[in-house]
Amino acid sequence: MSPLSGNSSSEVEQVLTELIQKASSTKVFGAVRSMSRKMIEAARARIRRAYPNASDEEIAVMLLERYYGKGLAERFRAEMAKRRSK
């Protein structure tokens, strides 16, 4: 079996695969959720470095656009504007 990742051996990958298969769905979901959070935080930090004067809302819009598309980002922006006007 050739490794799926270029930076790990097939033995390491096999052990990790076995551990994941033996883990409960709760543990696997928790690990995936944790990795997802870390990726989002890393992306947010990268955007903040690129746009140091951007507001938290502007950063959220940029994240939404990059990961979920322009349509969702625009709907979020419109909803936030509507809430501010109340």
PDB file of N, CA and C in Angstrom:
ATOM      1  N   MET A   1       0.855  -1.176   0.000  1.00  0.00           N
ATOM      2  CA  MET A   1       0.000   0.000   0.000  1.00  0.00           C
ATOM      3  C   MET A   1       0.894   1.229   0.000  1.00  0.00           C
ATOM      4  N   SER A   2       0.714   2.102  -0.965  1.00  0.00           N
ATOM      5  CA  SER A   2       1.499   3.333  -0.991  1.00  0.00           C
ATOM      6  C   SER A   2       0.830   4.375  -0.108  1.00  0.00           C
ATOM      7  N   PRO A   3       1.636   5.195   0.554  1.00  0.00           N
ATOM      8  CA  PRO A   3       1.053   6.189   1.474  1.00  0.00           C
ATOM      9  C   PRO A   3       0.185   7.215   0.745  1.00  0.00           C
ATOM     10  N   LEU A   4      -0.884   7.613   1.412  1.00  0.00           N
ATOM     11  CA  LEU A   4      -1.767   8.642   0.863  1.00  0.00           C
ATOM     12  C   LEU A   4      -1.116  10.008   0.955  1.00  0.00           C
ATOM     13  N   SER A   5      -0.297  10.186   1.968  1.00  0.00           N
ATOM     14  CA  SER A   5       0.386  11.461   2.181  1.00  0.00           C
ATOM     15  C   SER A   5       1.856  11.302   1.841  1.00  0.00           C
ATOM     16  N   GLY A   6       2.427  12.282   1.209  1.00  0.00           N
ATOM     17  CA  GLY A   6       3.834  12.222   0.848  1.00  0.00           C
ATOM     18  C   GLY A   6       4.770  12.348   2.025  1.00  0.00           C
ATOM     19  N   ASN A   7       4.258  12.746   3.195  1.00  0.00           N
ATOM     20  CA  ASN A   7       5.150  12.955   4.334  1.00  0.00           C
ATOM     21  C   ASN A   7       4.982  11.904   5.435  1.00  0.00           C
ATOM     22  N   SER A   8       4.362  10.760   5.114  1.00  0.00           N
ATOM     23  CA  SER A   8       4.268   9.692   6.102  1.00  0.00           C
ATOM     24  C   SER A   8       4.489   8.351   5.417  1.00  0.00           C
ATOM     25  N   SER A   9       5.022   7.412   6.182  1.00  0.00           N
ATOM     26  CA  SER A   9       5.277   6.095   5.613  1.00  0.00           C
ATOM     27  C   SER A   9       3.984   5.292   5.579  1.00  0.00           C
ATOM     28  N   SER A  10       3.979   4.233   4.778  1.00  0.00           N
ATOM     29  CA  SER A  10       2.787   3.400   4.697  1.00  0.00           C
ATOM     30  C   SER A  10       2.542   2.680   6.015  1.00  0.00           C
ATOM     31  N   GLU A  11       3.601   2.372   6.778  1.00  0.00           N
ATOM     32  CA  GLU A  11       3.422   1.725   8.085  1.00  0.00           C
ATOM     33  C   GLU A  11       2.696   2.656   9.056  1.00  0.00           C
ATOM     34  N   VAL A  12       3.130   3.895   9.099  1.00  0.00           N
ATOM     35  CA  VAL A  12       2.491   4.876   9.975  1.00  0.00           C
ATOM     36  C   VAL A  12       1.034   5.052   9.561  1.00  0.00           C
ATOM     37  N   GLU A  13       0.807   5.168   8.277  1.00  0.00           N
ATOM     38  CA  GLU A  13      -0.553   5.332   7.774  1.00  0.00           C
ATOM     39  C   GLU A  13      -1.429   4.137   8.126  1.00  0.00           C
ATOM     40  N   GLN A  14      -0.884   2.944   8.049  1.00  0.00           N
ATOM     41  CA  GLN A  14      -1.643   1.736   8.377  1.00  0.00           C
ATOM     42  C   GLN A  14      -2.027   1.725   9.856  1.00  0.00           C
ATOM     43  N   VAL A  15      -1.074   2.081  10.731  1.00  0.00           N
ATOM     44  CA  VAL A  15      -1.355   2.125  12.162  1.00  0.00           C
ATOM     45  C   VAL A  15      -2.440   3.162  12.457  1.00  0.00           C
ATOM     46  N   LEU A  16      -2.310   4.345  11.860  1.00  0.00           N
ATOM     47  CA  LEU A  16      -3.322   5.392  12.081  1.00  0.00           C
ATOM     48  C   LEU A  16      -4.694   4.944  11.585  1.00  0.00           C
ATOM     49  N   THR A  17      -4.726   4.302  10.431  1.00  0.00           N
ATOM     50  CA  THR A  17      -5.993   3.805   9.878  1.00  0.00           C
ATOM     51  C   THR A  17      -6.632   2.795  10.828  1.00  0.00           C
ATOM     52  N   GLU A  18      -5.828   1.900  11.368  1.00  0.00           N
ATOM     53  CA  GLU A  18      -6.357   0.904  12.318  1.00  0.00           C
ATOM     54  C   GLU A  18      -6.884   1.572  13.582  1.00  0.00           C
ATOM     55  N   LEU A  19      -6.155   2.572  14.086  1.00  0.00           N
ATOM     56  CA  LEU A  19      -6.612   3.282  15.285  1.00  0.00           C
ATOM     57  C   LEU A  19      -7.940   3.987  15.034  1.00  0.00           C
ATOM     58  N   ILE A  20      -8.079   4.594  13.877  1.00  0.00           N
ATOM     59  CA  ILE A  20      -9.323   5.286  13.534  1.00  0.00           C
ATOM     60  C   ILE A  20     -10.465   4.291  13.422  1.00  0.00           C
ATOM     61  N   GLN A  21     -10.203   3.146  12.803  1.00  0.00           N
ATOM     62  CA  GLN A  21     -11.246   2.131  12.647  1.00  0.00           C
ATOM     63  C   GLN A  21     -11.704   1.582  13.990  1.00  0.00           C
ATOM     64  N   LYS A  22     -10.795   1.517  14.969  1.00  0.00           N
ATOM     65  CA  LYS A  22     -11.129   0.972  16.289  1.00  0.00           C
ATOM     66  C   LYS A  22     -11.773   2.018  17.200  1.00  0.00           C
ATOM     67  N   ALA A  23     -11.591   3.268  16.891  1.00  0.00           N
ATOM     68  CA  ALA A  23     -12.106   4.348  17.747  1.00  0.00           C
ATOM     69  C   ALA A  23     -13.623   4.452  17.621  1.00  0.00           C
ATOM     70  N   SER A  24     -14.230   4.933  18.689  1.00  0.00           N
ATOM     71  CA  SER A  24     -15.680   5.152  18.648  1.00  0.00           C
ATOM     72  C   SER A  24     -15.990   6.323  17.720  1.00  0.00           C
ATOM     73  N   SER A  25     -17.210   6.347  17.236  1.00  0.00           N
ATOM     74  CA  SER A  25     -17.603   7.443  16.346  1.00  0.00           C
ATOM     75  C   SER A  25     -17.530   8.791  17.069  1.00  0.00           C
ATOM     76  N   THR A  26     -17.773   8.792  18.367  1.00  0.00           N
ATOM     77  CA  THR A  26     -17.683  10.023  19.158  1.00  0.00           C
ATOM     78  C   THR A  26     -16.247  10.557  19.157  1.00  0.00           C
ATOM     79  N   LYS A  27     -15.273   9.658  19.345  1.00  0.00           N
ATOM     80  CA  LYS A  27     -13.867  10.081  19.341  1.00  0.00           C
ATOM     81  C   LYS A  27     -13.445  10.573  17.963  1.00  0.00           C
ATOM     82  N   VAL A  28     -13.858   9.870  16.924  1.00  0.00           N
ATOM     83  CA  VAL A  28     -13.494  10.276  15.567  1.00  0.00           C
ATOM     84  C   VAL A  28     -14.104  11.635  15.258  1.00  0.00           C
ATOM     85  N   PHE A  29     -15.392  11.818  15.586  1.00  0.00           N
ATOM     86  CA  PHE A  29     -16.049  13.097  15.340  1.00  0.00           C
ATOM     87  C   PHE A  29     -15.361  14.211  16.116  1.00  0.00           C
ATOM     88  N   GLY A  30     -14.986  13.946  17.361  1.00  0.00           N
ATOM     89  CA  GLY A  30     -14.293  14.953  18.172  1.00  0.00           C
ATOM     90  C   GLY A  30     -12.969  15.353  17.553  1.00  0.00           C
ATOM     91  N   ALA A  31     -12.238  14.371  17.039  1.00  0.00           N
ATOM     92  CA  ALA A  31     -10.946  14.667  16.399  1.00  0.00           C
ATOM     93  C   ALA A  31     -11.142  15.486  15.130  1.00  0.00           C
ATOM     94  N   VAL A  32     -12.135  15.125  14.337  1.00  0.00           N
ATOM     95  CA  VAL A  32     -12.404  15.861  13.099  1.00  0.00           C
ATOM     96  C   VAL A  32     -12.841  17.287  13.419  1.00  0.00           C
ATOM     97  N   ARG A  33     -13.695  17.432  14.414  1.00  0.00           N
ATOM     98  CA  ARG A  33     -14.157  18.766  14.817  1.00  0.00           C
ATOM     99  C   ARG A  33     -12.992  19.616  15.309  1.00  0.00           C
ATOM    100  N   SER A  34     -12.094  19.017  16.081  1.00  0.00           N
ATOM    101  CA  SER A  34     -10.928  19.736  16.578  1.00  0.00           C
ATOM    102  C   SER A  34     -10.019  20.182  15.427  1.00  0.00           C
ATOM    103  N   MET A  35      -9.774  19.284  14.477  1.00  0.00           N
ATOM    104  CA  MET A  35      -8.937  19.647  13.329  1.00  0.00           C
ATOM    105  C   MET A  35      -9.593  20.751  12.510  1.00  0.00           C
ATOM    106  N   SER A  36     -10.904  20.677  12.362  1.00  0.00           N
ATOM    107  CA  SER A  36     -11.630  21.696  11.604  1.00  0.00           C
ATOM    108  C   SER A  36     -11.488  23.062  12.271  1.00  0.00           C
ATOM    109  N   ARG A  37     -11.654  23.089  13.596  1.00  0.00           N
ATOM    110  CA  ARG A  37     -11.495  24.348  14.340  1.00  0.00           C
ATOM    111  C   ARG A  37     -10.096  24.931  14.157  1.00  0.00           C
ATOM    112  N   LYS A  38      -9.091  24.060  14.239  1.00  0.00           N
ATOM    113  CA  LYS A  38      -7.711  24.526  14.095  1.00  0.00           C
ATOM    114  C   LYS A  38      -7.467  25.078  12.700  1.00  0.00           C
ATOM    115  N   MET A  39      -8.037  24.441  11.682  1.00  0.00           N
ATOM    116  CA  MET A  39      -7.875  24.929  10.309  1.00  0.00           C
ATOM    117  C   MET A  39      -8.551  26.284  10.131  1.00  0.00           C
ATOM    118  N   ILE A  40      -9.736  26.445  10.696  1.00  0.00           N
ATOM    119  CA  ILE A  40     -10.449  27.717  10.598  1.00  0.00           C
ATOM    120  C   ILE A  40      -9.662  28.815  11.313  1.00  0.00           C
ATOM    121  N   GLU A  41      -9.139  28.513  12.507  1.00  0.00           N
ATOM    122  CA  GLU A  41      -8.354  29.508  13.246  1.00  0.00           C
ATOM    123  C   GLU A  41      -7.082  29.883  12.489  1.00  0.00           C
ATOM    124  N   ALA A  42      -6.443  28.894  11.860  1.00  0.00           N
ATOM    125  CA  ALA A  42      -5.243  29.188  11.073  1.00  0.00           C
ATOM    126  C   ALA A  42      -5.594  30.068   9.874  1.00  0.00           C
ATOM    127  N   ALA A  43      -6.712  29.777   9.224  1.00  0.00           N
ATOM    128  CA  ALA A  43      -7.150  30.583   8.080  1.00  0.00           C
ATOM    129  C   ALA A  43      -7.490  32.003   8.533  1.00  0.00           C
ATOM    130  N   ARG A  44      -8.158  32.116   9.672  1.00  0.00           N
ATOM    131  CA  ARG A  44      -8.510  33.435  10.211  1.00  0.00           C
ATOM    132  C   ARG A  44      -7.250  34.234  10.532  1.00  0.00           C
ATOM    133  N   ALA A  45      -6.258  33.588  11.123  1.00  0.00           N
ATOM    134  CA  ALA A  45      -4.994  34.271  11.442  1.00  0.00           C
ATOM    135  C   ALA A  45      -4.272  34.699  10.164  1.00  0.00           C
ATOM    136  N   ARG A  46      -4.298  33.860   9.150  1.00  0.00           N
ATOM    137  CA  ARG A  46      -3.658  34.196   7.866  1.00  0.00           C
ATOM    138  C   ARG A  46      -4.338  35.415   7.242  1.00  0.00           C
ATOM    139  N   ILE A  47      -5.659  35.461   7.278  1.00  0.00           N
ATOM    140  CA  ILE A  47      -6.391  36.606   6.730  1.00  0.00           C
ATOM    141  C   ILE A  47      -6.088  37.859   7.545  1.00  0.00           C
ATOM    142  N   ARG A  48      -6.044  37.713   8.873  1.00  0.00           N
ATOM    143  CA  ARG A  48      -5.767  38.879   9.727  1.00  0.00           C
ATOM    144  C   ARG A  48      -4.382  39.451   9.427  1.00  0.00           C
ATOM    145  N   ARG A  49      -3.405  38.576   9.164  1.00  0.00           N
ATOM    146  CA  ARG A  49      -2.064  39.074   8.810  1.00  0.00           C
ATOM    147  C   ARG A  49      -2.090  39.789   7.464  1.00  0.00           C
ATOM    148  N   ALA A  50      -2.854  39.260   6.541  1.00  0.00           N
ATOM    149  CA  ALA A  50      -2.926  39.876   5.209  1.00  0.00           C
ATOM    150  C   ALA A  50      -3.729  41.176   5.231  1.00  0.00           C
ATOM    151  N   TYR A  51      -4.722  41.269   6.112  1.00  0.00           N
ATOM    152  CA  TYR A  51      -5.596  42.447   6.209  1.00  0.00           C
ATOM    153  C   TYR A  51      -5.658  42.899   7.668  1.00  0.00           C
ATOM    154  N   PRO A  52      -4.598  43.496   8.190  1.00  0.00           N
ATOM    155  CA  PRO A  52      -4.539  43.822   9.620  1.00  0.00           C
ATOM    156  C   PRO A  52      -5.600  44.816  10.090  1.00  0.00           C
ATOM    157  N   ASN A  53      -6.151  45.601   9.194  1.00  0.00           N
ATOM    158  CA  ASN A  53      -7.164  46.584   9.595  1.00  0.00           C
ATOM    159  C   ASN A  53      -8.595  46.086   9.406  1.00  0.00           C
ATOM    160  N   ALA A  54      -8.761  44.856   8.966  1.00  0.00           N
ATOM    161  CA  ALA A  54     -10.104  44.310   8.730  1.00  0.00           C
ATOM    162  C   ALA A  54     -10.804  44.050  10.059  1.00  0.00           C
ATOM    163  N   SER A  55     -12.102  44.296  10.060  1.00  0.00           N
ATOM    164  CA  SER A  55     -12.905  44.015  11.256  1.00  0.00           C
ATOM    165  C   SER A  55     -13.142  42.502  11.349  1.00  0.00           C
ATOM    166  N   ASP A  56     -13.618  42.066  12.515  1.00  0.00           N
ATOM    167  CA  ASP A  56     -13.951  40.647  12.682  1.00  0.00           C
ATOM    168  C   ASP A  56     -15.013  40.217  11.669  1.00  0.00           C
ATOM    169  N   GLU A  57     -15.972  41.101  11.416  1.00  0.00           N
ATOM    170  CA  GLU A  57     -17.027  40.783  10.438  1.00  0.00           C
ATOM    171  C   GLU A  57     -16.454  40.640   9.028  1.00  0.00           C
ATOM    172  N   GLU A  58     -15.560  41.538   8.656  1.00  0.00           N
ATOM    173  CA  GLU A  58     -14.947  41.449   7.323  1.00  0.00           C
ATOM    174  C   GLU A  58     -14.137  40.160   7.178  1.00  0.00           C
ATOM    175  N   ILE A  59     -13.456  39.767   8.239  1.00  0.00           N
ATOM    176  CA  ILE A  59     -12.691  38.519   8.208  1.00  0.00           C
ATOM    177  C   ILE A  59     -13.637  37.334   8.078  1.00  0.00           C
ATOM    178  N   ALA A  60     -14.750  37.377   8.796  1.00  0.00           N
ATOM    179  CA  ALA A  60     -15.742  36.294   8.687  1.00  0.00           C
ATOM    180  C   ALA A  60     -16.265  36.187   7.261  1.00  0.00           C
ATOM    181  N   VAL A  61     -16.538  37.321   6.630  1.00  0.00           N
ATOM    182  CA  VAL A  61     -17.022  37.315   5.247  1.00  0.00           C
ATOM    183  C   VAL A  61     -15.973  36.702   4.322  1.00  0.00           C
ATOM    184  N   MET A  62     -14.703  37.063   4.509  1.00  0.00           N
ATOM    185  CA  MET A  62     -13.643  36.504   3.670  1.00  0.00           C
ATOM    186  C   MET A  62     -13.522  34.990   3.858  1.00  0.00           C
ATOM    187  N   LEU A  63     -13.639  34.536   5.099  1.00  0.00           N
ATOM    188  CA  LEU A  63     -13.598  33.091   5.359  1.00  0.00           C
ATOM    189  C   LEU A  63     -14.760  32.380   4.679  1.00  0.00           C
ATOM    190  N   LEU A  64     -15.953  32.928   4.845  1.00  0.00           N
ATOM    191  CA  LEU A  64     -17.130  32.321   4.221  1.00  0.00           C
ATOM    192  C   LEU A  64     -16.978  32.246   2.708  1.00  0.00           C
ATOM    193  N   GLU A  65     -16.496  33.324   2.119  1.00  0.00           N
ATOM    194  CA  GLU A  65     -16.351  33.350   0.665  1.00  0.00           C
ATOM    195  C   GLU A  65     -15.340  32.310   0.190  1.00  0.00           C
ATOM    196  N   ARG A  66     -14.222  32.216   0.892  1.00  0.00           N
ATOM    197  CA  ARG A  66     -13.174  31.264   0.485  1.00  0.00           C
ATOM    198  C   ARG A  66     -13.611  29.817   0.629  1.00  0.00           C
ATOM    199  N   TYR A  67     -14.329  29.498   1.698  1.00  0.00           N
ATOM    200  CA  TYR A  67     -14.630  28.098   1.991  1.00  0.00           C
ATOM    201  C   TYR A  67     -16.037  27.655   1.603  1.00  0.00           C
ATOM    202  N   TYR A  68     -16.985  28.593   1.517  1.00  0.00           N
ATOM    203  CA  TYR A  68     -18.368  28.210   1.244  1.00  0.00           C
ATOM    204  C   TYR A  68     -18.974  28.916   0.050  1.00  0.00           C
ATOM    205  N   GLY A  69     -18.230  29.841  -0.547  1.00  0.00           N
ATOM    206  CA  GLY A  69     -18.708  30.505  -1.750  1.00  0.00           C
ATOM    207  C   GLY A  69     -19.199  31.914  -1.524  1.00  0.00           C
ATOM    208  N   LYS A  70     -19.225  32.644  -2.623  1.00  0.00           N
ATOM    209  CA  LYS A  70     -19.603  34.056  -2.604  1.00  0.00           C
ATOM    210  C   LYS A  70     -21.067  34.255  -2.191  1.00  0.00           C
ATOM    211  N   GLY A  71     -21.935  33.339  -2.601  1.00  0.00           N
ATOM    212  CA  GLY A  71     -23.356  33.473  -2.274  1.00  0.00           C
ATOM    213  C   GLY A  71     -23.613  33.494  -0.784  1.00  0.00           C
ATOM    214  N   LEU A  72     -23.035  32.552  -0.058  1.00  0.00           N
ATOM    215  CA  LEU A  72     -23.222  32.508   1.388  1.00  0.00           C
ATOM    216  C   LEU A  72     -22.586  33.725   2.051  1.00  0.00           C
ATOM    217  N   ALA A  73     -21.423  34.124   1.567  1.00  0.00           N
ATOM    218  CA  ALA A  73     -20.759  35.303   2.129  1.00  0.00           C
ATOM    219  C   ALA A  73     -21.631  36.546   1.955  1.00  0.00           C
ATOM    220  N   GLU A  74     -22.247  36.696   0.801  1.00  0.00           N
ATOM    221  CA  GLU A  74     -23.117  37.854   0.550  1.00  0.00           C
ATOM    222  C   GLU A  74     -24.369  37.797   1.430  1.00  0.00           C
ATOM    223  N   ARG A  75     -24.940  36.605   1.616  1.00  0.00           N
ATOM    224  CA  ARG A  75     -26.118  36.479   2.489  1.00  0.00           C
ATOM    225  C   ARG A  75     -25.755  36.834   3.926  1.00  0.00           C
ATOM    226  N   PHE A  76     -24.575  36.403   4.376  1.00  0.00           N
ATOM    227  CA  PHE A  76     -24.112  36.737   5.721  1.00  0.00           C
ATOM    228  C   PHE A  76     -23.946  38.247   5.859  1.00  0.00           C
ATOM    229  N   ARG A  77     -23.292  38.861   4.873  1.00  0.00           N
ATOM    230  CA  ARG A  77     -23.071  40.305   4.895  1.00  0.00           C
ATOM    231  C   ARG A  77     -24.413  41.052   4.957  1.00  0.00           C
ATOM    232  N   ALA A  78     -25.386  40.622   4.163  1.00  0.00           N
ATOM    233  CA  ALA A  78     -26.705  41.262   4.151  1.00  0.00           C
ATOM    234  C   ALA A  78     -27.407  41.094   5.496  1.00  0.00           C
ATOM    235  N   GLU A  79     -27.316  39.906   6.081  1.00  0.00           N
ATOM    236  CA  GLU A  79     -27.948  39.651   7.376  1.00  0.00           C
ATOM    237  C   GLU A  79     -27.310  40.530   8.454  1.00  0.00           C
ATOM    238  N   MET A  80     -25.999  40.663   8.431  1.00  0.00           N
ATOM    239  CA  MET A  80     -25.324  41.499   9.432  1.00  0.00           C
ATOM    240  C   MET A  80     -25.725  42.964   9.258  1.00  0.00           C
ATOM    241  N   ALA A  81     -25.846  43.426   8.022  1.00  0.00           N
ATOM    242  CA  ALA A  81     -26.279  44.808   7.772  1.00  0.00           C
ATOM    243  C   ALA A  81     -27.693  45.021   8.283  1.00  0.00           C
ATOM    244  N   LYS A  82     -28.556  44.029   8.055  1.00  0.00           N
ATOM    245  CA  LYS A  82     -29.940  44.127   8.518  1.00  0.00           C
ATOM    246  C   LYS A  82     -29.993  44.200  10.043  1.00  0.00           C
ATOM    247  N   ARG A  83     -29.176  43.406  10.709  1.00  0.00           N
ATOM    248  CA  ARG A  83     -29.154  43.425  12.189  1.00  0.00           C
ATOM    249  C   ARG A  83     -28.620  44.739  12.737  1.00  0.00           C
ATOM    250  N   ARG A  84     -27.639  45.312  12.044  1.00  0.00           N
ATOM    251  CA  ARG A  84     -27.106  46.608  12.489  1.00  0.00           C
ATOM    252  C   ARG A  84     -28.137  47.717  12.359  1.00  0.00           C
ATOM    253  N   SER A  85     -29.002  47.614  11.360  1.00  0.00           N
ATOM    254  CA  SER A  85     -29.984  48.684  11.104  1.00  0.00           C
ATOM    255  C   SER A  85     -31.172  48.634  12.052  1.00  0.00           C
ATOM    256  N   LYS A  86     -31.299  47.587  12.829  1.00  0.00           N
ATOM    257  CA  LYS A  86     -32.442  47.481  13.766  1.00  0.00           C
ATOM    258  C   LYS A  86     -32.225  48.332  14.986  1.00  0.00           C
TER     259      LYS A  86
END
